[in-house]
Amino acid sequence: MTRFLIRRLLWSALAILGVSTIVFVVLHFSGDPAALLLPPTGTREDYQALRRLLGLDRPLGVQYAAFLLRAARGDFARSFQYDQPSLEVVLERLPATFQLTAVAIGLIILVAVPLGVASAVFRNSWIDHMGSALTLAGQAAPNFWLGVMLILFFSVELRWLPTSGRGSLAHLVLPGVTLALQPLAKITRLTRSEMLDVLGQDFIRTARAKGLAAAAVVVRHALKNASIAIVTVIGLDLGYLLGGAIITESVFAWPGMGRLAVEAISNRDFPVVQAAVFVIALLVVAVNLAVDLVYVYLDPRVRLG
C-alpha cells in the first residue's frame, strides 16, 4: 500500500510539472502582455521598459527556470492586471468554485446513482423510462443553452431565482443545476448499465437463493460491485467541476476560478493563468489520488495487487 501511494504521488508530481510546463510555453507564444497593458499612445521606450519590468525581455529558458524556482516556493509573481500575488488572486476565487462544485456533485450523487439503480432494478418500468428521458435531455442540452433557458424561465418569467452573481443559496440553484445536468445524465446511464450487468451475475442469483433481502442484494452486493466504474466517472467529473466550469461560470457571472482563468487569458495575465492552472492541476491530481484510495476499499484485488 505504501509503495502504491509513493508511486501515485510521484506520477502526480510529474503530471503537475508537465501541465505547468505546457501552459508556460503556450502562453509565451500567444502574444505579448505589454501590448495590452500599455495605452495606444505608449512609445517604443515605454514598451521596452514595461517588458523589462515584467521580466519578459529575458530568454525563454531563463524565464522558465525562474518560473519553476518561484513555483516551488508557491510564488507565481504578481498579477499584471490586479497588481497582487497571483496565487492570492486565484485562492480568493477558490471558495466560490468549491461551493458551486459541492452543489453540482451533491445533485449528481443524490439523483444519478439512485435513479440509475432504480432504472436497472425496475427495468422497462416508468422509472426506467423517466431515467432514459432525463439522460437523453441532459446529454443533448449544451450548458450555455441550458443556462440561458433556465434564466429566461425561472428568473425573467417567473422571477423565482436571481439571474446571476453569488450571494444567497438561491444564487446556487440555477448554476448548480446547469453544471450538474450533463454529468448527472452520464452517470445515471452508466449506473443503470453497470447494475444490469452485475444483476445478471451468478453470485447475485446465489445471494437471492440464500434468502437475502432484496435491498441487501441490490445495495451490499450489486451496487458495491458496480461502483468501480461509477466512482471512476464521478472522480473524472469532479476534477472537471473543480477545474471551474468555464461556460457555466461565464453565463451566471459566477466569480470562480474558471471565469478568472478566461479573463486572465483574454488579458494575457500570464502569472494568474499559471497560478490557476497549477491549482486546478493540484485539485485534479488530489481527486484522482482519492479515487485510487477508494478503489482499494471497493475492490480487494487492488489492495492485494
C-alpha atoms as a PDB file:
ATOM      1  CA  MET A   1       0.000   0.000   0.000  1.00  0.00           C
ATOM      2  CA  THR A   2       2.817   2.414   0.880  1.00  0.00           C
ATOM      3  CA  ARG A   3       4.620   1.689  -2.390  1.00  0.00           C
ATOM      4  CA  PHE A   4       1.373   2.213  -4.255  1.00  0.00           C
ATOM      5  CA  LEU A   5       0.905   5.642  -2.647  1.00  0.00           C
ATOM      6  CA  ILE A   6       4.518   6.687  -3.276  1.00  0.00           C
ATOM      7  CA  ARG A   7       4.242   5.676  -6.927  1.00  0.00           C
ATOM      8  CA  ARG A   8       0.998   7.593  -7.361  1.00  0.00           C
ATOM      9  CA  LEU A   9       2.456  10.697  -5.671  1.00  0.00           C
ATOM     10  CA  LEU A  10       5.487  10.631  -7.981  1.00  0.00           C
ATOM     11  CA  TRP A  11       3.282  10.364 -11.058  1.00  0.00           C
ATOM     12  CA  SER A  12       1.100  13.159  -9.698  1.00  0.00           C
ATOM     13  CA  ALA A  13       4.107  15.457  -9.286  1.00  0.00           C
ATOM     14  CA  LEU A  14       5.215  14.707 -12.858  1.00  0.00           C
ATOM     15  CA  ALA A  15       1.694  15.423 -14.141  1.00  0.00           C
ATOM     16  CA  ILE A  16       1.584  18.814 -12.412  1.00  0.00           C
ATOM     17  CA  LEU A  17       5.044  19.686 -13.749  1.00  0.00           C
ATOM     18  CA  GLY A  18       4.054  18.650 -17.277  1.00  0.00           C
ATOM     19  CA  VAL A  19       0.827  20.658 -17.267  1.00  0.00           C
ATOM     20  CA  SER A  20       2.561  23.748 -15.868  1.00  0.00           C
ATOM     21  CA  THR A  21       5.305  23.494 -18.495  1.00  0.00           C
ATOM     22  CA  ILE A  22       2.860  23.178 -21.385  1.00  0.00           C
ATOM     23  CA  VAL A  23       0.852  26.170 -20.167  1.00  0.00           C
ATOM     24  CA  PHE A  24       4.028  28.247 -19.726  1.00  0.00           C
ATOM     25  CA  VAL A  25       5.164  27.567 -23.295  1.00  0.00           C
ATOM     26  CA  VAL A  26       1.726  28.088 -24.866  1.00  0.00           C
ATOM     27  CA  LEU A  27       1.183  31.372 -23.026  1.00  0.00           C
ATOM     28  CA  HIS A  28       4.526  32.821 -24.070  1.00  0.00           C
ATOM     29  CA  PHE A  29       3.779  32.092 -27.710  1.00  0.00           C
ATOM     30  CA  SER A  30       0.240  33.502 -27.527  1.00  0.00           C
ATOM     31  CA  GLY A  31       1.201  37.167 -27.534  1.00  0.00           C
ATOM     32  CA  ASP A  32       2.894  39.917 -25.562  1.00  0.00           C
ATOM     33  CA  PRO A  33       1.019  41.224 -22.482  1.00  0.00           C
ATOM     34  CA  ALA A  34       2.896  44.519 -22.684  1.00  0.00           C
ATOM     35  CA  ALA A  35       0.946  45.313 -25.856  1.00  0.00           C
ATOM     36  CA  LEU A  36      -2.304  45.103 -23.866  1.00  0.00           C
ATOM     37  CA  LEU A  37      -1.118  46.825 -20.710  1.00  0.00           C
ATOM     38  CA  LEU A  38       0.221  49.940 -22.457  1.00  0.00           C
ATOM     39  CA  PRO A  39      -2.174  52.580 -23.820  1.00  0.00           C
ATOM     40  CA  PRO A  40      -2.175  53.213 -27.601  1.00  0.00           C
ATOM     41  CA  THR A  41      -0.138  56.370 -27.012  1.00  0.00           C
ATOM     42  CA  GLY A  42       2.759  54.427 -25.449  1.00  0.00           C
ATOM     43  CA  THR A  43       6.164  54.843 -27.076  1.00  0.00           C
ATOM     44  CA  ARG A  44       8.660  52.146 -28.025  1.00  0.00           C
ATOM     45  CA  GLU A  45      10.744  53.092 -24.976  1.00  0.00           C
ATOM     46  CA  ASP A  46       7.689  52.647 -22.739  1.00  0.00           C
ATOM     47  CA  TYR A  47       7.090  49.242 -24.303  1.00  0.00           C
ATOM     48  CA  GLN A  48      10.683  48.092 -23.724  1.00  0.00           C
ATOM     49  CA  ALA A  49      10.692  49.440 -20.153  1.00  0.00           C
ATOM     50  CA  LEU A  50       7.487  47.566 -19.314  1.00  0.00           C
ATOM     51  CA  ARG A  51       8.821  44.327 -20.805  1.00  0.00           C
ATOM     52  CA  ARG A  52      11.971  44.739 -18.713  1.00  0.00           C
ATOM     53  CA  LEU A  53       9.898  45.427 -15.594  1.00  0.00           C
ATOM     54  CA  LEU A  54       7.804  42.296 -16.157  1.00  0.00           C
ATOM     55  CA  GLY A  55      10.857  40.178 -16.909  1.00  0.00           C
ATOM     56  CA  LEU A  56       9.670  39.422 -20.438  1.00  0.00           C
ATOM     57  CA  ASP A  57      12.860  40.668 -22.067  1.00  0.00           C
ATOM     58  CA  ARG A  58      14.889  37.677 -20.865  1.00  0.00           C
ATOM     59  CA  PRO A  59      15.382  34.474 -22.902  1.00  0.00           C
ATOM     60  CA  LEU A  60      12.538  31.967 -22.639  1.00  0.00           C
ATOM     61  CA  GLY A  61      14.750  29.367 -20.943  1.00  0.00           C
ATOM     62  CA  VAL A  62      15.750  31.846 -18.235  1.00  0.00           C
ATOM     63  CA  GLN A  63      12.099  32.823 -17.711  1.00  0.00           C
ATOM     64  CA  TYR A  64      11.126  29.145 -17.415  1.00  0.00           C
ATOM     65  CA  ALA A  65      13.860  28.406 -14.867  1.00  0.00           C
ATOM     66  CA  ALA A  66      12.773  31.427 -12.818  1.00  0.00           C
ATOM     67  CA  PHE A  67       9.151  30.290 -13.082  1.00  0.00           C
ATOM     68  CA  LEU A  68       9.998  26.807 -11.741  1.00  0.00           C
ATOM     69  CA  LEU A  69      12.041  28.209  -8.849  1.00  0.00           C
ATOM     70  CA  ARG A  70       9.250  30.577  -7.848  1.00  0.00           C
ATOM     71  CA  ALA A  71       6.535  27.943  -8.285  1.00  0.00           C
ATOM     72  CA  ALA A  72       8.400  25.566  -5.972  1.00  0.00           C
ATOM     73  CA  ARG A  73       8.006  28.240  -3.268  1.00  0.00           C
ATOM     74  CA  GLY A  74       4.355  28.895  -4.161  1.00  0.00           C
ATOM     75  CA  ASP A  75       5.255  32.224  -5.787  1.00  0.00           C
ATOM     76  CA  PHE A  76       3.731  32.816  -9.239  1.00  0.00           C
ATOM     77  CA  ALA A  77       4.741  36.501  -9.417  1.00  0.00           C
ATOM     78  CA  ARG A  78       2.347  39.421  -9.283  1.00  0.00           C
ATOM     79  CA  SER A  79      -0.696  39.671 -11.472  1.00  0.00           C
ATOM     80  CA  PHE A  80      -0.299  42.132 -14.338  1.00  0.00           C
ATOM     81  CA  GLN A  81      -3.960  43.124 -14.060  1.00  0.00           C
ATOM     82  CA  TYR A  82      -4.626  43.111 -10.292  1.00  0.00           C
ATOM     83  CA  ASP A  83      -1.122  44.008  -9.040  1.00  0.00           C
ATOM     84  CA  GLN A  84      -1.401  41.319  -6.327  1.00  0.00           C
ATOM     85  CA  PRO A  85       0.368  37.995  -5.850  1.00  0.00           C
ATOM     86  CA  SER A  86      -1.208  35.736  -8.471  1.00  0.00           C
ATOM     87  CA  LEU A  87      -1.756  32.805  -6.148  1.00  0.00           C
ATOM     88  CA  GLU A  88      -3.727  35.035  -3.772  1.00  0.00           C
ATOM     89  CA  VAL A  89      -5.945  36.180  -6.652  1.00  0.00           C
ATOM     90  CA  VAL A  90      -6.680  32.554  -7.548  1.00  0.00           C
ATOM     91  CA  LEU A  91      -7.245  31.387  -3.978  1.00  0.00           C
ATOM     92  CA  GLU A  92      -9.741  34.203  -3.444  1.00  0.00           C
ATOM     93  CA  ARG A  93     -11.904  32.600  -6.148  1.00  0.00           C
ATOM     94  CA  LEU A  94     -11.474  29.057  -4.818  1.00  0.00           C
ATOM     95  CA  PRO A  95     -14.350  29.122  -2.257  1.00  0.00           C
ATOM     96  CA  ALA A  96     -16.829  30.103  -4.983  1.00  0.00           C
ATOM     97  CA  THR A  97     -15.671  27.209  -7.146  1.00  0.00           C
ATOM     98  CA  PHE A  98     -15.851  24.781  -4.200  1.00  0.00           C
ATOM     99  CA  GLN A  99     -19.352  25.993  -3.366  1.00  0.00           C
ATOM    100  CA  LEU A 100     -20.682  25.503  -6.877  1.00  0.00           C
ATOM    101  CA  THR A 101     -18.894  22.167  -7.242  1.00  0.00           C
ATOM    102  CA  ALA A 102     -20.344  20.886  -3.956  1.00  0.00           C
ATOM    103  CA  VAL A 103     -23.882  21.654  -5.124  1.00  0.00           C
ATOM    104  CA  ALA A 104     -23.305  20.016  -8.512  1.00  0.00           C
ATOM    105  CA  ILE A 105     -21.653  16.874  -7.153  1.00  0.00           C
ATOM    106  CA  GLY A 106     -24.325  16.598  -4.456  1.00  0.00           C
ATOM    107  CA  LEU A 107     -27.052  16.623  -7.119  1.00  0.00           C
ATOM    108  CA  ILE A 108     -25.136  14.053  -9.146  1.00  0.00           C
ATOM    109  CA  ILE A 109     -24.715  11.608  -6.249  1.00  0.00           C
ATOM    110  CA  LEU A 110     -28.183  12.074  -4.757  1.00  0.00           C
ATOM    111  CA  VAL A 111     -30.058  11.853  -8.073  1.00  0.00           C
ATOM    112  CA  ALA A 112     -27.971   9.976 -10.638  1.00  0.00           C
ATOM    113  CA  VAL A 113     -26.914   6.931  -8.608  1.00  0.00           C
ATOM    114  CA  PRO A 114     -30.344   6.160  -7.025  1.00  0.00           C
ATOM    115  CA  LEU A 115     -32.102   6.780 -10.355  1.00  0.00           C
ATOM    116  CA  GLY A 116     -29.651   4.540 -12.212  1.00  0.00           C
ATOM    117  CA  VAL A 117     -30.069   1.762  -9.628  1.00  0.00           C
ATOM    118  CA  ALA A 118     -33.868   2.051  -9.725  1.00  0.00           C
ATOM    119  CA  SER A 119     -33.849   2.014 -13.545  1.00  0.00           C
ATOM    120  CA  ALA A 120     -31.881  -1.242 -13.517  1.00  0.00           C
ATOM    121  CA  VAL A 121     -33.901  -2.922 -10.767  1.00  0.00           C
ATOM    122  CA  PHE A 122     -37.246  -1.908 -12.326  1.00  0.00           C
ATOM    123  CA  ARG A 123     -36.199  -2.346 -15.932  1.00  0.00           C
ATOM    124  CA  ASN A 124     -38.723  -1.176 -18.572  1.00  0.00           C
ATOM    125  CA  SER A 125     -40.906   0.428 -15.887  1.00  0.00           C
ATOM    126  CA  TRP A 126     -41.974   4.075 -15.760  1.00  0.00           C
ATOM    127  CA  ILE A 127     -38.920   4.782 -13.576  1.00  0.00           C
ATOM    128  CA  ASP A 128     -36.654   3.366 -16.271  1.00  0.00           C
ATOM    129  CA  HIS A 129     -38.382   5.423 -18.963  1.00  0.00           C
ATOM    130  CA  MET A 130     -38.097   8.573 -16.846  1.00  0.00           C
ATOM    131  CA  GLY A 131     -34.384   7.926 -16.315  1.00  0.00           C
ATOM    132  CA  SER A 132     -33.885   7.399 -20.063  1.00  0.00           C
ATOM    133  CA  ALA A 133     -35.689  10.667 -20.837  1.00  0.00           C
ATOM    134  CA  LEU A 134     -33.556  12.560 -18.304  1.00  0.00           C
ATOM    135  CA  THR A 135     -30.390  11.003 -19.713  1.00  0.00           C
ATOM    136  CA  LEU A 136     -31.306  11.978 -23.260  1.00  0.00           C
ATOM    137  CA  ALA A 137     -32.237  15.538 -22.292  1.00  0.00           C
ATOM    138  CA  GLY A 138     -29.181  16.015 -20.097  1.00  0.00           C
ATOM    139  CA  GLN A 139     -26.671  14.895 -22.697  1.00  0.00           C
ATOM    140  CA  ALA A 140     -28.379  16.703 -25.575  1.00  0.00           C
ATOM    141  CA  ALA A 141     -28.633  20.139 -23.904  1.00  0.00           C
ATOM    142  CA  PRO A 142     -25.433  22.251 -24.116  1.00  0.00           C
ATOM    143  CA  ASN A 143     -24.540  24.076 -20.908  1.00  0.00           C
ATOM    144  CA  PHE A 144     -24.643  27.555 -22.428  1.00  0.00           C
ATOM    145  CA  TRP A 145     -28.129  26.981 -23.908  1.00  0.00           C
ATOM    146  CA  LEU A 146     -29.478  25.329 -20.757  1.00  0.00           C
ATOM    147  CA  GLY A 147     -28.189  28.141 -18.549  1.00  0.00           C
ATOM    148  CA  VAL A 148     -29.800  30.823 -20.697  1.00  0.00           C
ATOM    149  CA  MET A 149     -33.121  28.910 -20.841  1.00  0.00           C
ATOM    150  CA  LEU A 150     -33.181  28.484 -17.063  1.00  0.00           C
ATOM    151  CA  ILE A 151     -32.506  32.192 -16.586  1.00  0.00           C
ATOM    152  CA  LEU A 152     -35.272  33.161 -19.017  1.00  0.00           C
ATOM    153  CA  PHE A 153     -37.836  30.857 -17.402  1.00  0.00           C
ATOM    154  CA  PHE A 154     -37.099  30.909 -13.668  1.00  0.00           C
ATOM    155  CA  SER A 155     -35.594  34.397 -13.373  1.00  0.00           C
ATOM    156  CA  VAL A 156     -37.173  36.527 -16.096  1.00  0.00           C
ATOM    157  CA  GLU A 157     -40.627  34.928 -16.461  1.00  0.00           C
ATOM    158  CA  LEU A 158     -41.360  33.514 -13.004  1.00  0.00           C
ATOM    159  CA  ARG A 159     -38.991  35.780 -11.027  1.00  0.00           C
ATOM    160  CA  TRP A 160     -38.305  32.964  -8.569  1.00  0.00           C
ATOM    161  CA  LEU A 161     -34.497  32.988  -8.664  1.00  0.00           C
ATOM    162  CA  PRO A 162     -31.731  35.555  -9.280  1.00  0.00           C
ATOM    163  CA  THR A 163     -30.250  35.744 -12.751  1.00  0.00           C
ATOM    164  CA  SER A 164     -26.561  35.822 -11.826  1.00  0.00           C
ATOM    165  CA  GLY A 165     -23.922  36.535  -9.217  1.00  0.00           C
ATOM    166  CA  ARG A 166     -23.074  34.927  -5.890  1.00  0.00           C
ATOM    167  CA  GLY A 167     -24.845  35.606  -2.618  1.00  0.00           C
ATOM    168  CA  SER A 168     -27.660  33.625  -1.023  1.00  0.00           C
ATOM    169  CA  LEU A 169     -28.470  29.947  -1.503  1.00  0.00           C
ATOM    170  CA  ALA A 170     -30.925  30.953  -4.220  1.00  0.00           C
ATOM    171  CA  HIS A 171     -27.980  32.079  -6.367  1.00  0.00           C
ATOM    172  CA  LEU A 172     -26.677  28.488  -6.368  1.00  0.00           C
ATOM    173  CA  VAL A 173     -29.773  26.815  -7.779  1.00  0.00           C
ATOM    174  CA  LEU A 174     -29.580  27.672 -11.478  1.00  0.00           C
ATOM    175  CA  PRO A 175     -25.784  27.392 -11.951  1.00  0.00           C
ATOM    176  CA  GLY A 176     -25.742  24.225  -9.835  1.00  0.00           C
ATOM    177  CA  VAL A 177     -28.414  22.539 -11.959  1.00  0.00           C
ATOM    178  CA  THR A 178     -26.784  23.729 -15.184  1.00  0.00           C
ATOM    179  CA  LEU A 179     -23.388  22.421 -14.134  1.00  0.00           C
ATOM    180  CA  ALA A 180     -24.714  19.098 -12.844  1.00  0.00           C
ATOM    181  CA  LEU A 181     -27.117  18.063 -15.606  1.00  0.00           C
ATOM    182  CA  GLN A 182     -24.682  16.624 -18.164  1.00  0.00           C
ATOM    183  CA  PRO A 183     -22.590  14.619 -15.654  1.00  0.00           C
ATOM    184  CA  LEU A 184     -25.815  13.569 -13.917  1.00  0.00           C
ATOM    185  CA  ALA A 185     -27.232  12.174 -17.161  1.00  0.00           C
ATOM    186  CA  LYS A 186     -23.998  10.344 -17.964  1.00  0.00           C
ATOM    187  CA  ILE A 187     -23.691   8.767 -14.506  1.00  0.00           C
ATOM    188  CA  THR A 188     -27.374   7.751 -14.496  1.00  0.00           C
ATOM    189  CA  ARG A 189     -26.867   5.864 -17.748  1.00  0.00           C
ATOM    190  CA  LEU A 190     -23.587   4.333 -16.551  1.00  0.00           C
ATOM    191  CA  THR A 191     -25.093   3.238 -13.215  1.00  0.00           C
ATOM    192  CA  ARG A 192     -28.005   1.562 -14.976  1.00  0.00           C
ATOM    193  CA  SER A 193     -25.683  -0.236 -17.405  1.00  0.00           C
ATOM    194  CA  GLU A 194     -23.302  -1.456 -14.692  1.00  0.00           C
ATOM    195  CA  MET A 195     -26.141  -2.564 -12.423  1.00  0.00           C
ATOM    196  CA  LEU A 196     -27.827  -4.527 -15.208  1.00  0.00           C
ATOM    197  CA  ASP A 197     -24.532  -6.292 -15.874  1.00  0.00           C
ATOM    198  CA  VAL A 198     -23.955  -7.148 -12.201  1.00  0.00           C
ATOM    199  CA  LEU A 199     -27.561  -8.177 -11.502  1.00  0.00           C
ATOM    200  CA  GLY A 200     -27.194 -10.907 -14.110  1.00  0.00           C
ATOM    201  CA  GLN A 201     -24.147 -12.474 -12.422  1.00  0.00           C
ATOM    202  CA  ASP A 202     -24.187 -15.859 -10.685  1.00  0.00           C
ATOM    203  CA  PHE A 203     -23.290 -14.512  -7.236  1.00  0.00           C
ATOM    204  CA  ILE A 204     -26.415 -12.299  -7.278  1.00  0.00           C
ATOM    205  CA  ARG A 205     -28.606 -15.309  -8.018  1.00  0.00           C
ATOM    206  CA  THR A 206     -26.840 -17.162  -5.209  1.00  0.00           C
ATOM    207  CA  ALA A 207     -27.452 -14.298  -2.774  1.00  0.00           C
ATOM    208  CA  ARG A 208     -31.139 -14.269  -3.677  1.00  0.00           C
ATOM    209  CA  ALA A 209     -31.363 -18.055  -3.369  1.00  0.00           C
ATOM    210  CA  LYS A 210     -29.917 -17.829   0.164  1.00  0.00           C
ATOM    211  CA  GLY A 211     -32.873 -15.671   1.139  1.00  0.00           C
ATOM    212  CA  LEU A 212     -31.171 -12.284   1.492  1.00  0.00           C
ATOM    213  CA  ALA A 213     -33.465  -9.270   1.454  1.00  0.00           C
ATOM    214  CA  ALA A 214     -33.836  -7.579  -1.923  1.00  0.00           C
ATOM    215  CA  ALA A 215     -32.407  -4.293  -0.597  1.00  0.00           C
ATOM    216  CA  ALA A 216     -29.320  -6.081   0.762  1.00  0.00           C
ATOM    217  CA  VAL A 217     -28.750  -7.859  -2.562  1.00  0.00           C
ATOM    218  CA  VAL A 218     -29.023  -4.595  -4.512  1.00  0.00           C
ATOM    219  CA  VAL A 219     -27.002  -2.331  -2.193  1.00  0.00           C
ATOM    220  CA  ARG A 220     -24.450  -4.570  -0.478  1.00  0.00           C
ATOM    221  CA  HIS A 221     -23.701  -6.882  -3.386  1.00  0.00           C
ATOM    222  CA  ALA A 222     -24.777  -5.443  -6.727  1.00  0.00           C
ATOM    223  CA  LEU A 223     -24.087  -1.733  -6.187  1.00  0.00           C
ATOM    224  CA  LYS A 224     -20.740  -2.315  -4.472  1.00  0.00           C
ATOM    225  CA  ASN A 225     -19.531  -4.458  -7.378  1.00  0.00           C
ATOM    226  CA  ALA A 226     -20.823  -1.942  -9.923  1.00  0.00           C
ATOM    227  CA  SER A 227     -19.304   1.029  -8.107  1.00  0.00           C
ATOM    228  CA  ILE A 228     -15.762   0.837  -9.551  1.00  0.00           C
ATOM    229  CA  ALA A 229     -16.835   2.288 -12.894  1.00  0.00           C
ATOM    230  CA  ILE A 230     -19.244   4.723 -11.222  1.00  0.00           C
ATOM    231  CA  VAL A 231     -16.570   6.062  -8.834  1.00  0.00           C
ATOM    232  CA  THR A 232     -14.129   6.428 -11.756  1.00  0.00           C
ATOM    233  CA  VAL A 233     -16.508   8.607 -13.763  1.00  0.00           C
ATOM    234  CA  ILE A 234     -17.592  10.631 -10.720  1.00  0.00           C
ATOM    235  CA  GLY A 235     -13.907  11.272  -9.975  1.00  0.00           C
ATOM    236  CA  LEU A 236     -13.282  12.450 -13.526  1.00  0.00           C
ATOM    237  CA  ASP A 237     -16.344  14.698 -13.420  1.00  0.00           C
ATOM    238  CA  LEU A 238     -15.330  16.093 -10.030  1.00  0.00           C
ATOM    239  CA  GLY A 239     -11.948  17.049 -11.466  1.00  0.00           C
ATOM    240  CA  TYR A 240     -13.718  18.803 -14.336  1.00  0.00           C
ATOM    241  CA  LEU A 241     -16.072  20.621 -11.957  1.00  0.00           C
ATOM    242  CA  LEU A 242     -13.236  21.704  -9.648  1.00  0.00           C
ATOM    243  CA  GLY A 243     -11.368  22.991 -12.661  1.00  0.00           C
ATOM    244  CA  GLY A 244     -14.097  25.569 -12.962  1.00  0.00           C
ATOM    245  CA  ALA A 245     -16.873  25.024 -15.458  1.00  0.00           C
ATOM    246  CA  ILE A 246     -15.958  27.961 -17.662  1.00  0.00           C
ATOM    247  CA  ILE A 247     -19.209  28.192 -19.604  1.00  0.00           C
ATOM    248  CA  THR A 248     -21.470  27.919 -16.559  1.00  0.00           C
ATOM    249  CA  GLU A 249     -19.469  30.478 -14.569  1.00  0.00           C
ATOM    250  CA  SER A 250     -19.495  32.864 -17.519  1.00  0.00           C
ATOM    251  CA  VAL A 251     -23.253  32.557 -18.151  1.00  0.00           C
ATOM    252  CA  PHE A 252     -24.139  33.168 -14.493  1.00  0.00           C
ATOM    253  CA  ALA A 253     -21.308  35.643 -13.740  1.00  0.00           C
ATOM    254  CA  TRP A 254     -20.141  33.261 -11.030  1.00  0.00           C
ATOM    255  CA  PRO A 255     -16.841  34.521  -9.522  1.00  0.00           C
ATOM    256  CA  GLY A 256     -14.966  31.201  -9.666  1.00  0.00           C
ATOM    257  CA  MET A 257     -11.619  30.046 -10.992  1.00  0.00           C
ATOM    258  CA  GLY A 258     -12.952  29.173 -14.437  1.00  0.00           C
ATOM    259  CA  ARG A 259     -14.184  32.693 -15.095  1.00  0.00           C
ATOM    260  CA  LEU A 260     -10.982  34.146 -13.636  1.00  0.00           C
ATOM    261  CA  ALA A 261      -8.874  31.994 -15.975  1.00  0.00           C
ATOM    262  CA  VAL A 262     -10.855  33.133 -19.021  1.00  0.00           C
ATOM    263  CA  GLU A 263     -10.425  36.792 -18.067  1.00  0.00           C
ATOM    264  CA  ALA A 264      -6.710  36.284 -17.396  1.00  0.00           C
ATOM    265  CA  ILE A 265      -6.210  34.604 -20.785  1.00  0.00           C
ATOM    266  CA  SER A 266      -8.032  37.439 -22.547  1.00  0.00           C
ATOM    267  CA  ASN A 267      -5.806  39.991 -20.774  1.00  0.00           C
ATOM    268  CA  ARG A 268      -2.641  37.873 -21.198  1.00  0.00           C
ATOM    269  CA  ASP A 269      -2.179  37.940 -17.440  1.00  0.00           C
ATOM    270  CA  PHE A 270       0.403  35.126 -17.514  1.00  0.00           C
ATOM    271  CA  PRO A 271       1.016  34.828 -13.755  1.00  0.00           C
ATOM    272  CA  VAL A 272      -2.698  34.415 -12.947  1.00  0.00           C
ATOM    273  CA  VAL A 273      -3.173  31.830 -15.707  1.00  0.00           C
ATOM    274  CA  GLN A 274      -0.153  29.855 -14.485  1.00  0.00           C
ATOM    275  CA  ALA A 275      -1.315  30.005 -10.864  1.00  0.00           C
ATOM    276  CA  ALA A 276      -4.860  28.980 -11.840  1.00  0.00           C
ATOM    277  CA  VAL A 277      -3.631  26.028 -13.908  1.00  0.00           C
ATOM    278  CA  PHE A 278      -1.336  24.936 -11.069  1.00  0.00           C
ATOM    279  CA  VAL A 279      -4.179  24.998  -8.528  1.00  0.00           C
ATOM    280  CA  ILE A 280      -6.569  23.212 -10.911  1.00  0.00           C
ATOM    281  CA  ALA A 281      -3.959  20.537 -11.706  1.00  0.00           C
ATOM    282  CA  LEU A 282      -3.305  20.072  -7.987  1.00  0.00           C
ATOM    283  CA  LEU A 283      -7.025  19.614  -7.302  1.00  0.00           C
ATOM    284  CA  VAL A 284      -7.487  17.168 -10.181  1.00  0.00           C
ATOM    285  CA  VAL A 285      -4.480  15.116  -9.060  1.00  0.00           C
ATOM    286  CA  ALA A 286      -5.782  15.077  -5.476  1.00  0.00           C
ATOM    287  CA  VAL A 287      -9.195  13.850  -6.676  1.00  0.00           C
ATOM    288  CA  ASN A 288      -7.584  11.109  -8.778  1.00  0.00           C
ATOM    289  CA  LEU A 289      -5.497  10.012  -5.806  1.00  0.00           C
ATOM    290  CA  ALA A 290      -8.614   9.898  -3.628  1.00  0.00           C
ATOM    291  CA  VAL A 291     -10.364   7.783  -6.286  1.00  0.00           C
ATOM    292  CA  ASP A 292      -7.416   5.359  -6.266  1.00  0.00           C
ATOM    293  CA  LEU A 293      -7.747   5.027  -2.490  1.00  0.00           C
ATOM    294  CA  VAL A 294     -11.479   4.356  -2.838  1.00  0.00           C
ATOM    295  CA  TYR A 295     -10.604   1.557  -5.285  1.00  0.00           C
ATOM    296  CA  VAL A 296      -8.613  -0.122  -2.523  1.00  0.00           C
ATOM    297  CA  TYR A 297     -11.705  -0.145  -0.313  1.00  0.00           C
ATOM    298  CA  LEU A 298     -14.136  -1.240  -3.023  1.00  0.00           C
ATOM    299  CA  ASP A 299     -12.039  -3.946  -4.661  1.00  0.00           C
ATOM    300  CA  PRO A 300      -9.722  -6.131  -2.507  1.00  0.00           C
ATOM    301  CA  ARG A 301      -7.878  -7.213  -5.676  1.00  0.00           C
ATOM    302  CA  VAL A 302      -6.378  -3.724  -5.908  1.00  0.00           C
ATOM    303  CA  ARG A 303      -5.135  -3.983  -2.311  1.00  0.00           C
ATOM    304  CA  LEU A 304      -3.719  -7.457  -2.857  1.00  0.00           C
ATOM    305  CA  GLY A 305      -2.037  -6.353  -6.080  1.00  0.00           C
END
